[in-house]
Amino acid sequence: MQNFVAIDFETANGKRSSICSVGAAIVKDGEIVDSFYSLVKPTPNYYASFCQEVHGLDCCDTDDADFFPEVWAQLQEKVHSYFPFIEDGEVPFVAHNASFDEGCLRAAFAAYEIRYAGYMFRDTLTASRRCFGRTLPNHQLQTVAAACGYDLTHHHHALADAEACAWIAREIL
């Protein structure tokens, strides 16, 4: 894969629509050319302690953040600056455990009654299982990143996770 956007969402609670941060790494011609990070005011707007323990964010971090539609428009504008002739949904997204991230995106679109553009997702978790099999102790993002020569130091920060995913995708997809 030469052109894609690696993406990661963090959520505020057990609802997939409760995106509280998004990170993306834009890969063009096999190189990471840009990145995007934003806090997001979650919908619904409350934080579960188990989520806070994972990523460290809370309402103080996102009270002044934009809602998902505004943040998504900013991300899409950045993506289109690198791929100006490609329609929404044509540049694939890559995520580690893509079913979670795609689920978040679909839920956020539904919560705001936005038409979903049928985004394509590729999954580095599935690719890792195929590529490494039982040679790794697990297929968690930080383990796979290390196996691909990437040092993921800020795991569960959406941008750090997206950049690690981009690195993995370039290595094994």
N, C-alpha and C. Protein backbone atom coordinates (compact mmCIF):
# COMPACT_ATOMS: atom_id res chain seq x y z
N MET A 1 0.85 -1.19 0.00
CA MET A 1 0.00 0.00 0.00
C MET A 1 0.88 1.24 0.00
N GLN A 2 0.57 2.12 -0.90
CA GLN A 2 1.38 3.34 -1.04
C GLN A 2 0.64 4.60 -0.58
N ASN A 3 -0.68 4.60 -0.69
CA ASN A 3 -1.47 5.79 -0.36
C ASN A 3 -2.61 5.39 0.56
N PHE A 4 -2.60 5.94 1.78
CA PHE A 4 -3.64 5.64 2.75
C PHE A 4 -3.56 6.62 3.91
N VAL A 5 -4.55 6.55 4.76
CA VAL A 5 -4.57 7.34 5.99
C VAL A 5 -4.70 6.36 7.15
N ALA A 6 -3.67 6.33 7.99
CA ALA A 6 -3.75 5.54 9.21
C ALA A 6 -4.50 6.37 10.24
N ILE A 7 -5.47 5.77 10.91
CA ILE A 7 -6.34 6.54 11.79
C ILE A 7 -6.55 5.81 13.11
N ASP A 8 -6.73 6.59 14.16
CA ASP A 8 -7.01 6.02 15.48
C ASP A 8 -7.97 6.94 16.21
N PHE A 9 -8.97 6.34 16.85
CA PHE A 9 -9.91 7.07 17.68
C PHE A 9 -9.76 6.63 19.13
N GLU A 10 -9.91 7.56 20.04
CA GLU A 10 -10.07 7.25 21.46
C GLU A 10 -11.49 7.66 21.82
N THR A 11 -12.11 6.89 22.70
CA THR A 11 -13.49 7.17 23.09
C THR A 11 -13.58 7.52 24.57
N ALA A 12 -14.62 8.28 24.91
CA ALA A 12 -14.81 8.75 26.27
C ALA A 12 -15.53 7.75 27.15
N ASN A 13 -16.30 6.88 26.53
CA ASN A 13 -17.10 5.92 27.30
C ASN A 13 -17.36 4.70 26.42
N GLY A 14 -18.26 3.85 26.83
CA GLY A 14 -18.52 2.62 26.10
C GLY A 14 -19.27 2.79 24.80
N LYS A 15 -19.74 3.97 24.49
CA LYS A 15 -20.45 4.23 23.23
C LYS A 15 -19.43 4.55 22.13
N ARG A 16 -19.53 3.85 21.03
CA ARG A 16 -18.58 4.08 19.94
C ARG A 16 -18.63 5.50 19.39
N SER A 17 -19.77 6.15 19.53
CA SER A 17 -19.90 7.53 19.03
C SER A 17 -19.18 8.55 19.90
N SER A 18 -18.68 8.12 21.05
CA SER A 18 -18.11 9.06 22.02
C SER A 18 -16.64 9.37 21.74
N ILE A 19 -16.31 9.59 20.49
CA ILE A 19 -14.93 9.92 20.11
C ILE A 19 -14.50 11.18 20.87
N CYS A 20 -13.36 11.07 21.56
CA CYS A 20 -12.84 12.23 22.29
C CYS A 20 -11.51 12.71 21.72
N SER A 21 -10.88 11.90 20.88
CA SER A 21 -9.69 12.36 20.15
C SER A 21 -9.53 11.50 18.90
N VAL A 22 -8.91 12.12 17.90
CA VAL A 22 -8.61 11.43 16.65
C VAL A 22 -7.20 11.79 16.23
N GLY A 23 -6.49 10.78 15.76
CA GLY A 23 -5.17 10.99 15.19
C GLY A 23 -5.12 10.33 13.83
N ALA A 24 -4.40 10.94 12.91
CA ALA A 24 -4.27 10.38 11.57
C ALA A 24 -2.88 10.67 11.02
N ALA A 25 -2.34 9.70 10.32
CA ALA A 25 -1.08 9.85 9.61
C ALA A 25 -1.37 9.65 8.13
N ILE A 26 -1.04 10.63 7.34
CA ILE A 26 -1.31 10.58 5.90
C ILE A 26 -0.07 10.03 5.19
N VAL A 27 -0.27 8.94 4.45
CA VAL A 27 0.82 8.28 3.74
C VAL A 27 0.57 8.42 2.25
N LYS A 28 1.55 9.02 1.58
CA LYS A 28 1.47 9.21 0.13
C LYS A 28 2.75 8.67 -0.49
N ASP A 29 2.59 7.84 -1.49
CA ASP A 29 3.73 7.21 -2.16
C ASP A 29 4.65 6.51 -1.16
N GLY A 30 4.04 5.90 -0.16
CA GLY A 30 4.79 5.11 0.81
C GLY A 30 5.47 5.89 1.92
N GLU A 31 5.31 7.19 1.96
CA GLU A 31 5.95 8.02 2.99
C GLU A 31 4.90 8.74 3.81
N ILE A 32 5.14 8.84 5.10
CA ILE A 32 4.26 9.64 5.96
C ILE A 32 4.55 11.10 5.65
N VAL A 33 3.56 11.78 5.07
CA VAL A 33 3.77 13.15 4.60
C VAL A 33 3.14 14.19 5.52
N ASP A 34 2.19 13.77 6.36
CA ASP A 34 1.56 14.75 7.25
C ASP A 34 0.80 13.98 8.33
N SER A 35 0.38 14.72 9.34
CA SER A 35 -0.40 14.12 10.40
C SER A 35 -1.47 15.10 10.86
N PHE A 36 -2.42 14.56 11.60
CA PHE A 36 -3.54 15.35 12.11
C PHE A 36 -3.90 14.82 13.49
N TYR A 37 -4.13 15.74 14.42
CA TYR A 37 -4.59 15.36 15.75
C TYR A 37 -5.57 16.40 16.23
N SER A 38 -6.64 15.93 16.86
CA SER A 38 -7.58 16.86 17.46
C SER A 38 -8.31 16.18 18.61
N LEU A 39 -8.55 16.97 19.63
CA LEU A 39 -9.50 16.57 20.65
C LEU A 39 -10.89 16.77 20.09
N VAL A 40 -11.86 16.04 20.59
CA VAL A 40 -13.23 16.10 20.11
C VAL A 40 -14.15 16.12 21.31
N LYS A 41 -15.16 16.98 21.29
CA LYS A 41 -16.18 16.93 22.35
C LYS A 41 -17.03 15.69 22.09
N PRO A 42 -17.02 14.73 23.02
CA PRO A 42 -17.68 13.44 22.74
C PRO A 42 -19.20 13.52 22.76
N THR A 43 -19.80 12.57 22.05
CA THR A 43 -21.25 12.39 22.03
C THR A 43 -21.53 10.92 22.29
N PRO A 44 -22.12 10.57 23.43
CA PRO A 44 -22.55 11.42 24.54
C PRO A 44 -21.34 11.94 25.33
N ASN A 45 -21.55 13.09 25.96
CA ASN A 45 -20.46 13.83 26.58
C ASN A 45 -20.30 13.47 28.06
N TYR A 46 -19.76 12.30 28.31
CA TYR A 46 -19.35 11.91 29.66
C TYR A 46 -18.19 10.94 29.54
N TYR A 47 -17.41 10.83 30.58
CA TYR A 47 -16.24 9.96 30.58
C TYR A 47 -16.41 8.81 31.55
N ALA A 48 -16.16 7.61 31.08
CA ALA A 48 -16.14 6.43 31.92
C ALA A 48 -14.73 6.26 32.47
N SER A 49 -14.63 5.85 33.72
CA SER A 49 -13.31 5.75 34.34
C SER A 49 -12.40 4.77 33.60
N PHE A 50 -12.96 3.68 33.07
CA PHE A 50 -12.10 2.71 32.38
C PHE A 50 -11.49 3.31 31.12
N CYS A 51 -12.18 4.23 30.47
CA CYS A 51 -11.62 4.90 29.30
C CYS A 51 -10.56 5.92 29.71
N GLN A 52 -10.85 6.65 30.77
CA GLN A 52 -9.88 7.62 31.26
C GLN A 52 -8.57 6.94 31.66
N GLU A 53 -8.67 5.76 32.25
CA GLU A 53 -7.47 5.03 32.64
C GLU A 53 -6.63 4.63 31.43
N VAL A 54 -7.28 4.42 30.30
CA VAL A 54 -6.56 4.02 29.08
C VAL A 54 -5.82 5.21 28.48
N HIS A 55 -6.53 6.31 28.22
CA HIS A 55 -5.92 7.41 27.47
C HIS A 55 -5.65 8.67 28.28
N GLY A 56 -6.17 8.76 29.50
CA GLY A 56 -5.86 9.91 30.35
C GLY A 56 -6.63 11.18 30.06
N LEU A 57 -7.59 11.13 29.15
CA LEU A 57 -8.38 12.32 28.83
C LEU A 57 -9.62 12.39 29.71
N ASP A 58 -10.10 13.62 29.95
CA ASP A 58 -11.36 13.80 30.66
C ASP A 58 -12.05 15.05 30.14
N CYS A 59 -13.18 15.38 30.74
CA CYS A 59 -13.99 16.50 30.23
C CYS A 59 -13.23 17.82 30.24
N CYS A 60 -12.30 18.01 31.16
CA CYS A 60 -11.51 19.24 31.17
C CYS A 60 -10.71 19.39 29.88
N ASP A 61 -10.32 18.27 29.29
CA ASP A 61 -9.55 18.31 28.04
C ASP A 61 -10.43 18.64 26.84
N THR A 62 -11.68 18.23 26.86
CA THR A 62 -12.51 18.33 25.65
C THR A 62 -13.68 19.30 25.76
N ASP A 63 -13.87 19.94 26.90
CA ASP A 63 -15.01 20.86 27.03
C ASP A 63 -15.01 21.96 25.98
N ASP A 64 -13.84 22.43 25.58
CA ASP A 64 -13.76 23.50 24.58
C ASP A 64 -13.45 22.98 23.18
N ALA A 65 -13.43 21.68 23.01
CA ALA A 65 -13.11 21.10 21.70
C ALA A 65 -14.31 21.19 20.76
N ASP A 66 -14.03 21.07 19.48
CA ASP A 66 -15.10 21.03 18.49
C ASP A 66 -15.81 19.69 18.54
N PHE A 67 -17.04 19.68 18.07
CA PHE A 67 -17.77 18.43 17.92
C PHE A 67 -17.25 17.67 16.70
N PHE A 68 -17.59 16.41 16.61
CA PHE A 68 -17.09 15.52 15.57
C PHE A 68 -17.24 16.08 14.15
N PRO A 69 -18.40 16.60 13.73
CA PRO A 69 -18.52 17.04 12.33
C PRO A 69 -17.49 18.10 11.94
N GLU A 70 -17.18 19.02 12.85
CA GLU A 70 -16.19 20.05 12.54
C GLU A 70 -14.78 19.45 12.45
N VAL A 71 -14.47 18.56 13.37
CA VAL A 71 -13.15 17.92 13.35
C VAL A 71 -13.00 17.05 12.11
N TRP A 72 -14.04 16.30 11.76
CA TRP A 72 -13.97 15.44 10.58
C TRP A 72 -13.76 16.29 9.32
N ALA A 73 -14.42 17.43 9.23
CA ALA A 73 -14.26 18.31 8.07
C ALA A 73 -12.80 18.80 7.98
N GLN A 74 -12.20 19.10 9.11
CA GLN A 74 -10.79 19.54 9.12
C GLN A 74 -9.87 18.42 8.63
N LEU A 75 -10.12 17.21 9.11
CA LEU A 75 -9.30 16.08 8.68
C LEU A 75 -9.48 15.82 7.19
N GLN A 76 -10.70 15.83 6.72
CA GLN A 76 -10.95 15.59 5.30
C GLN A 76 -10.31 16.66 4.42
N GLU A 77 -10.31 17.90 4.88
CA GLU A 77 -9.65 18.97 4.12
C GLU A 77 -8.16 18.68 3.99
N LYS A 78 -7.54 18.22 5.08
CA LYS A 78 -6.11 17.90 5.04
C LYS A 78 -5.86 16.72 4.10
N VAL A 79 -6.68 15.68 4.19
CA VAL A 79 -6.51 14.52 3.32
C VAL A 79 -6.66 14.94 1.86
N HIS A 80 -7.66 15.76 1.57
CA HIS A 80 -7.89 16.20 0.18
C HIS A 80 -6.76 17.09 -0.34
N SER A 81 -6.02 17.73 0.54
CA SER A 81 -4.88 18.53 0.07
C SER A 81 -3.79 17.64 -0.52
N TYR A 82 -3.72 16.38 -0.10
CA TYR A 82 -2.75 15.43 -0.63
C TYR A 82 -3.32 14.56 -1.75
N PHE A 83 -4.61 14.37 -1.73
CA PHE A 83 -5.29 13.53 -2.73
C PHE A 83 -6.47 14.32 -3.29
N PRO A 84 -6.20 15.39 -4.05
CA PRO A 84 -7.27 16.32 -4.45
C PRO A 84 -8.29 15.74 -5.42
N PHE A 85 -7.95 14.71 -6.15
CA PHE A 85 -8.86 14.18 -7.15
C PHE A 85 -9.56 12.91 -6.71
N ILE A 86 -9.46 12.62 -5.44
CA ILE A 86 -10.04 11.39 -4.91
C ILE A 86 -11.24 11.75 -4.04
N GLU A 87 -12.34 11.09 -4.28
CA GLU A 87 -13.57 11.35 -3.52
C GLU A 87 -13.47 10.74 -2.12
N ASP A 88 -14.32 11.25 -1.19
CA ASP A 88 -14.41 10.64 0.14
C ASP A 88 -14.67 9.15 0.00
N GLY A 89 -13.96 8.39 0.77
CA GLY A 89 -14.15 6.94 0.76
C GLY A 89 -13.22 6.21 -0.19
N GLU A 90 -12.50 6.93 -1.06
CA GLU A 90 -11.63 6.26 -2.02
C GLU A 90 -10.20 6.06 -1.51
N VAL A 91 -9.74 6.93 -0.61
CA VAL A 91 -8.44 6.72 0.02
C VAL A 91 -8.69 5.79 1.21
N PRO A 92 -8.04 4.64 1.25
CA PRO A 92 -8.34 3.71 2.34
C PRO A 92 -7.82 4.19 3.68
N PHE A 93 -8.56 3.84 4.71
CA PHE A 93 -8.11 4.04 6.08
C PHE A 93 -7.48 2.75 6.55
N VAL A 94 -6.47 2.88 7.36
CA VAL A 94 -5.82 1.73 7.98
C VAL A 94 -5.87 1.95 9.48
N ALA A 95 -6.23 0.90 10.21
CA ALA A 95 -6.29 0.99 11.67
C ALA A 95 -5.87 -0.35 12.26
N HIS A 96 -5.40 -0.30 13.49
CA HIS A 96 -5.07 -1.53 14.20
C HIS A 96 -6.32 -1.92 14.99
N ASN A 97 -6.91 -3.04 14.63
CA ASN A 97 -8.24 -3.45 15.09
C ASN A 97 -9.27 -2.53 14.43
N ALA A 98 -9.28 -2.56 13.13
CA ALA A 98 -10.10 -1.66 12.32
C ALA A 98 -11.58 -1.75 12.64
N SER A 99 -12.06 -2.89 13.11
CA SER A 99 -13.49 -2.97 13.42
C SER A 99 -13.87 -1.97 14.51
N PHE A 100 -12.98 -1.71 15.45
CA PHE A 100 -13.26 -0.69 16.47
C PHE A 100 -13.30 0.70 15.85
N ASP A 101 -12.27 1.07 15.11
CA ASP A 101 -12.20 2.42 14.55
C ASP A 101 -13.28 2.68 13.51
N GLU A 102 -13.54 1.68 12.67
CA GLU A 102 -14.63 1.85 11.70
C GLU A 102 -15.96 1.94 12.43
N GLY A 103 -16.13 1.17 13.49
CA GLY A 103 -17.35 1.25 14.29
C GLY A 103 -17.52 2.62 14.91
N CYS A 104 -16.43 3.22 15.38
CA CYS A 104 -16.49 4.57 15.94
C CYS A 104 -16.91 5.58 14.87
N LEU A 105 -16.30 5.46 13.70
CA LEU A 105 -16.62 6.39 12.62
C LEU A 105 -18.08 6.26 12.20
N ARG A 106 -18.55 5.03 12.02
CA ARG A 106 -19.95 4.83 11.64
C ARG A 106 -20.91 5.36 12.73
N ALA A 107 -20.57 5.11 13.99
CA ALA A 107 -21.44 5.55 15.08
C ALA A 107 -21.47 7.07 15.17
N ALA A 108 -20.35 7.71 14.97
CA ALA A 108 -20.33 9.18 15.00
C ALA A 108 -21.13 9.76 13.85
N PHE A 109 -20.98 9.19 12.67
CA PHE A 109 -21.79 9.64 11.53
C PHE A 109 -23.27 9.48 11.84
N ALA A 110 -23.65 8.35 12.41
CA ALA A 110 -25.06 8.11 12.74
C ALA A 110 -25.55 9.09 13.81
N ALA A 111 -24.73 9.34 14.83
CA ALA A 111 -25.13 10.24 15.91
C ALA A 111 -25.41 11.64 15.41
N TYR A 112 -24.68 12.05 14.38
CA TYR A 112 -24.86 13.39 13.82
C TYR A 112 -25.68 13.39 12.54
N GLU A 113 -26.24 12.23 12.20
CA GLU A 113 -27.07 12.08 11.01
C GLU A 113 -26.37 12.56 9.74
N ILE A 114 -25.10 12.13 9.61
CA ILE A 114 -24.29 12.44 8.44
C ILE A 114 -24.26 11.19 7.56
N ARG A 115 -24.37 11.38 6.25
CA ARG A 115 -24.28 10.25 5.33
C ARG A 115 -22.89 9.66 5.38
N TYR A 116 -22.81 8.36 5.58
CA TYR A 116 -21.53 7.65 5.64
C TYR A 116 -21.06 7.36 4.22
N ALA A 117 -19.83 7.72 3.91
CA ALA A 117 -19.33 7.63 2.54
C ALA A 117 -18.80 6.24 2.16
N GLY A 118 -19.00 5.26 2.99
CA GLY A 118 -18.53 3.91 2.66
C GLY A 118 -17.02 3.80 2.67
N TYR A 119 -16.39 4.37 3.67
CA TYR A 119 -14.94 4.36 3.77
C TYR A 119 -14.41 2.93 3.81
N MET A 120 -13.31 2.70 3.11
CA MET A 120 -12.64 1.40 3.11
C MET A 120 -11.65 1.35 4.26
N PHE A 121 -11.64 0.26 5.00
CA PHE A 121 -10.70 0.08 6.09
C PHE A 121 -9.86 -1.16 5.85
N ARG A 122 -8.58 -1.06 6.13
CA ARG A 122 -7.66 -2.19 6.16
C ARG A 122 -7.20 -2.33 7.61
N ASP A 123 -6.94 -3.56 8.01
CA ASP A 123 -6.67 -3.84 9.43
C ASP A 123 -5.26 -4.39 9.63
N THR A 124 -4.43 -3.64 10.35
CA THR A 124 -3.07 -4.12 10.63
C THR A 124 -3.07 -5.22 11.69
N LEU A 125 -4.10 -5.33 12.51
CA LEU A 125 -4.19 -6.43 13.47
C LEU A 125 -4.34 -7.76 12.71
N THR A 126 -5.26 -7.81 11.78
CA THR A 126 -5.44 -9.02 10.96
C THR A 126 -4.18 -9.32 10.17
N ALA A 127 -3.58 -8.28 9.59
CA ALA A 127 -2.35 -8.47 8.82
C ALA A 127 -1.23 -8.99 9.71
N SER A 128 -1.15 -8.51 10.92
CA SER A 128 -0.13 -8.97 11.86
C SER A 128 -0.29 -10.45 12.18
N ARG A 129 -1.52 -10.85 12.40
CA ARG A 129 -1.76 -12.27 12.69
C ARG A 129 -1.34 -13.16 11.52
N ARG A 130 -1.61 -12.68 10.29
CA ARG A 130 -1.20 -13.44 9.10
C ARG A 130 0.32 -13.43 8.95
N CYS A 131 0.92 -12.27 9.15
CA CYS A 131 2.35 -12.10 8.89
C CYS A 131 3.22 -12.76 9.97
N PHE A 132 2.88 -12.52 11.23
CA PHE A 132 3.73 -12.97 12.34
C PHE A 132 3.25 -14.26 13.00
N GLY A 133 1.96 -14.56 12.84
CA GLY A 133 1.43 -15.77 13.46
C GLY A 133 1.75 -15.85 14.94
N ARG A 134 2.28 -16.98 15.36
CA ARG A 134 2.58 -17.21 16.79
C ARG A 134 3.99 -16.79 17.18
N THR A 135 4.69 -16.11 16.29
CA THR A 135 6.05 -15.67 16.63
C THR A 135 6.05 -14.49 17.60
N LEU A 136 4.92 -13.82 17.75
CA LEU A 136 4.79 -12.72 18.71
C LEU A 136 4.01 -13.20 19.92
N PRO A 137 4.28 -12.65 21.11
CA PRO A 137 3.52 -13.05 22.29
C PRO A 137 2.06 -12.61 22.23
N ASN A 138 1.79 -11.53 21.49
CA ASN A 138 0.43 -11.04 21.26
C ASN A 138 0.49 -10.14 20.04
N HIS A 139 -0.64 -9.64 19.64
CA HIS A 139 -0.69 -8.78 18.45
C HIS A 139 -1.20 -7.39 18.80
N GLN A 140 -0.93 -6.95 20.02
CA GLN A 140 -1.28 -5.60 20.43
C GLN A 140 -0.44 -4.60 19.63
N LEU A 141 -0.95 -3.40 19.52
CA LEU A 141 -0.30 -2.39 18.68
C LEU A 141 1.16 -2.19 19.05
N GLN A 142 1.47 -2.04 20.32
CA GLN A 142 2.85 -1.76 20.71
C GLN A 142 3.76 -2.96 20.42
N THR A 143 3.23 -4.17 20.52
CA THR A 143 4.02 -5.37 20.24
C THR A 143 4.32 -5.47 18.74
N VAL A 144 3.32 -5.25 17.93
CA VAL A 144 3.50 -5.33 16.47
C VAL A 144 4.39 -4.19 15.99
N ALA A 145 4.20 -3.00 16.55
CA ALA A 145 5.06 -1.87 16.18
C ALA A 145 6.52 -2.20 16.46
N ALA A 146 6.80 -2.75 17.63
CA ALA A 146 8.18 -3.12 17.98
C ALA A 146 8.72 -4.17 17.01
N ALA A 147 7.90 -5.13 16.65
CA ALA A 147 8.33 -6.18 15.71
C ALA A 147 8.64 -5.59 14.33
N CYS A 148 8.03 -4.45 14.02
CA CYS A 148 8.26 -3.78 12.74
C CYS A 148 9.33 -2.69 12.84
N GLY A 149 9.98 -2.60 14.01
CA GLY A 149 11.06 -1.64 14.19
C GLY A 149 10.63 -0.24 14.59
N TYR A 150 9.43 -0.11 15.14
CA TYR A 150 8.91 1.20 15.54
C TYR A 150 8.76 1.25 17.05
N ASP A 151 9.25 2.32 17.68
CA ASP A 151 9.15 2.50 19.12
C ASP A 151 7.93 3.34 19.45
N LEU A 152 6.87 2.71 19.90
CA LEU A 152 5.62 3.39 20.27
C LEU A 152 5.73 3.80 21.73
N THR A 153 6.03 5.06 21.99
CA THR A 153 6.26 5.51 23.36
C THR A 153 5.04 6.13 24.02
N HIS A 154 4.07 6.57 23.27
CA HIS A 154 2.88 7.21 23.85
C HIS A 154 1.62 6.45 23.46
N HIS A 155 1.61 5.16 23.75
CA HIS A 155 0.47 4.31 23.39
C HIS A 155 -0.82 4.87 23.98
N HIS A 156 -1.88 4.82 23.21
CA HIS A 156 -3.22 5.33 23.51
C HIS A 156 -3.33 6.85 23.39
N HIS A 157 -2.32 7.49 22.81
CA HIS A 157 -2.49 8.85 22.31
C HIS A 157 -2.86 8.64 20.84
N ALA A 158 -3.97 9.20 20.40
CA ALA A 158 -4.50 8.87 19.07
C ALA A 158 -3.49 9.10 17.95
N LEU A 159 -2.73 10.18 18.01
CA LEU A 159 -1.76 10.43 16.94
C LEU A 159 -0.60 9.44 17.01
N ALA A 160 -0.10 9.17 18.20
CA ALA A 160 1.00 8.20 18.32
C ALA A 160 0.58 6.83 17.81
N ASP A 161 -0.64 6.42 18.14
CA ASP A 161 -1.14 5.13 17.67
C ASP A 161 -1.33 5.12 16.15
N ALA A 162 -1.81 6.23 15.59
CA ALA A 162 -1.99 6.31 14.13
C ALA A 162 -0.64 6.25 13.42
N GLU A 163 0.35 6.92 13.95
CA GLU A 163 1.68 6.90 13.33
C GLU A 163 2.29 5.49 13.41
N ALA A 164 2.11 4.82 14.54
CA ALA A 164 2.59 3.44 14.66
C ALA A 164 1.88 2.54 13.66
N CYS A 165 0.59 2.73 13.51
CA CYS A 165 -0.19 1.94 12.56
C CYS A 165 0.30 2.19 11.13
N ALA A 166 0.60 3.44 10.81
CA ALA A 166 1.12 3.76 9.47
C ALA A 166 2.43 3.03 9.23
N TRP A 167 3.29 3.02 10.22
CA TRP A 167 4.58 2.34 10.09
C TRP A 167 4.36 0.84 9.85
N ILE A 168 3.49 0.25 10.66
CA ILE A 168 3.19 -1.18 10.52
C ILE A 168 2.63 -1.47 9.13
N ALA A 169 1.69 -0.66 8.69
CA ALA A 169 1.06 -0.87 7.38
C ALA A 169 2.10 -0.82 6.27
N ARG A 170 3.02 0.10 6.34
CA ARG A 170 4.07 0.19 5.32
C ARG A 170 4.95 -1.05 5.32
N GLU A 171 5.10 -1.67 6.48
CA GLU A 171 5.96 -2.85 6.59
C GLU A 171 5.27 -4.14 6.16
N ILE A 172 3.98 -4.30 6.51
CA ILE A 172 3.37 -5.63 6.32
C ILE A 172 2.14 -5.68 5.42
N LEU A 173 1.61 -4.54 5.01
CA LEU A 173 0.45 -4.60 4.12
C LEU A 173 0.91 -4.57 2.67
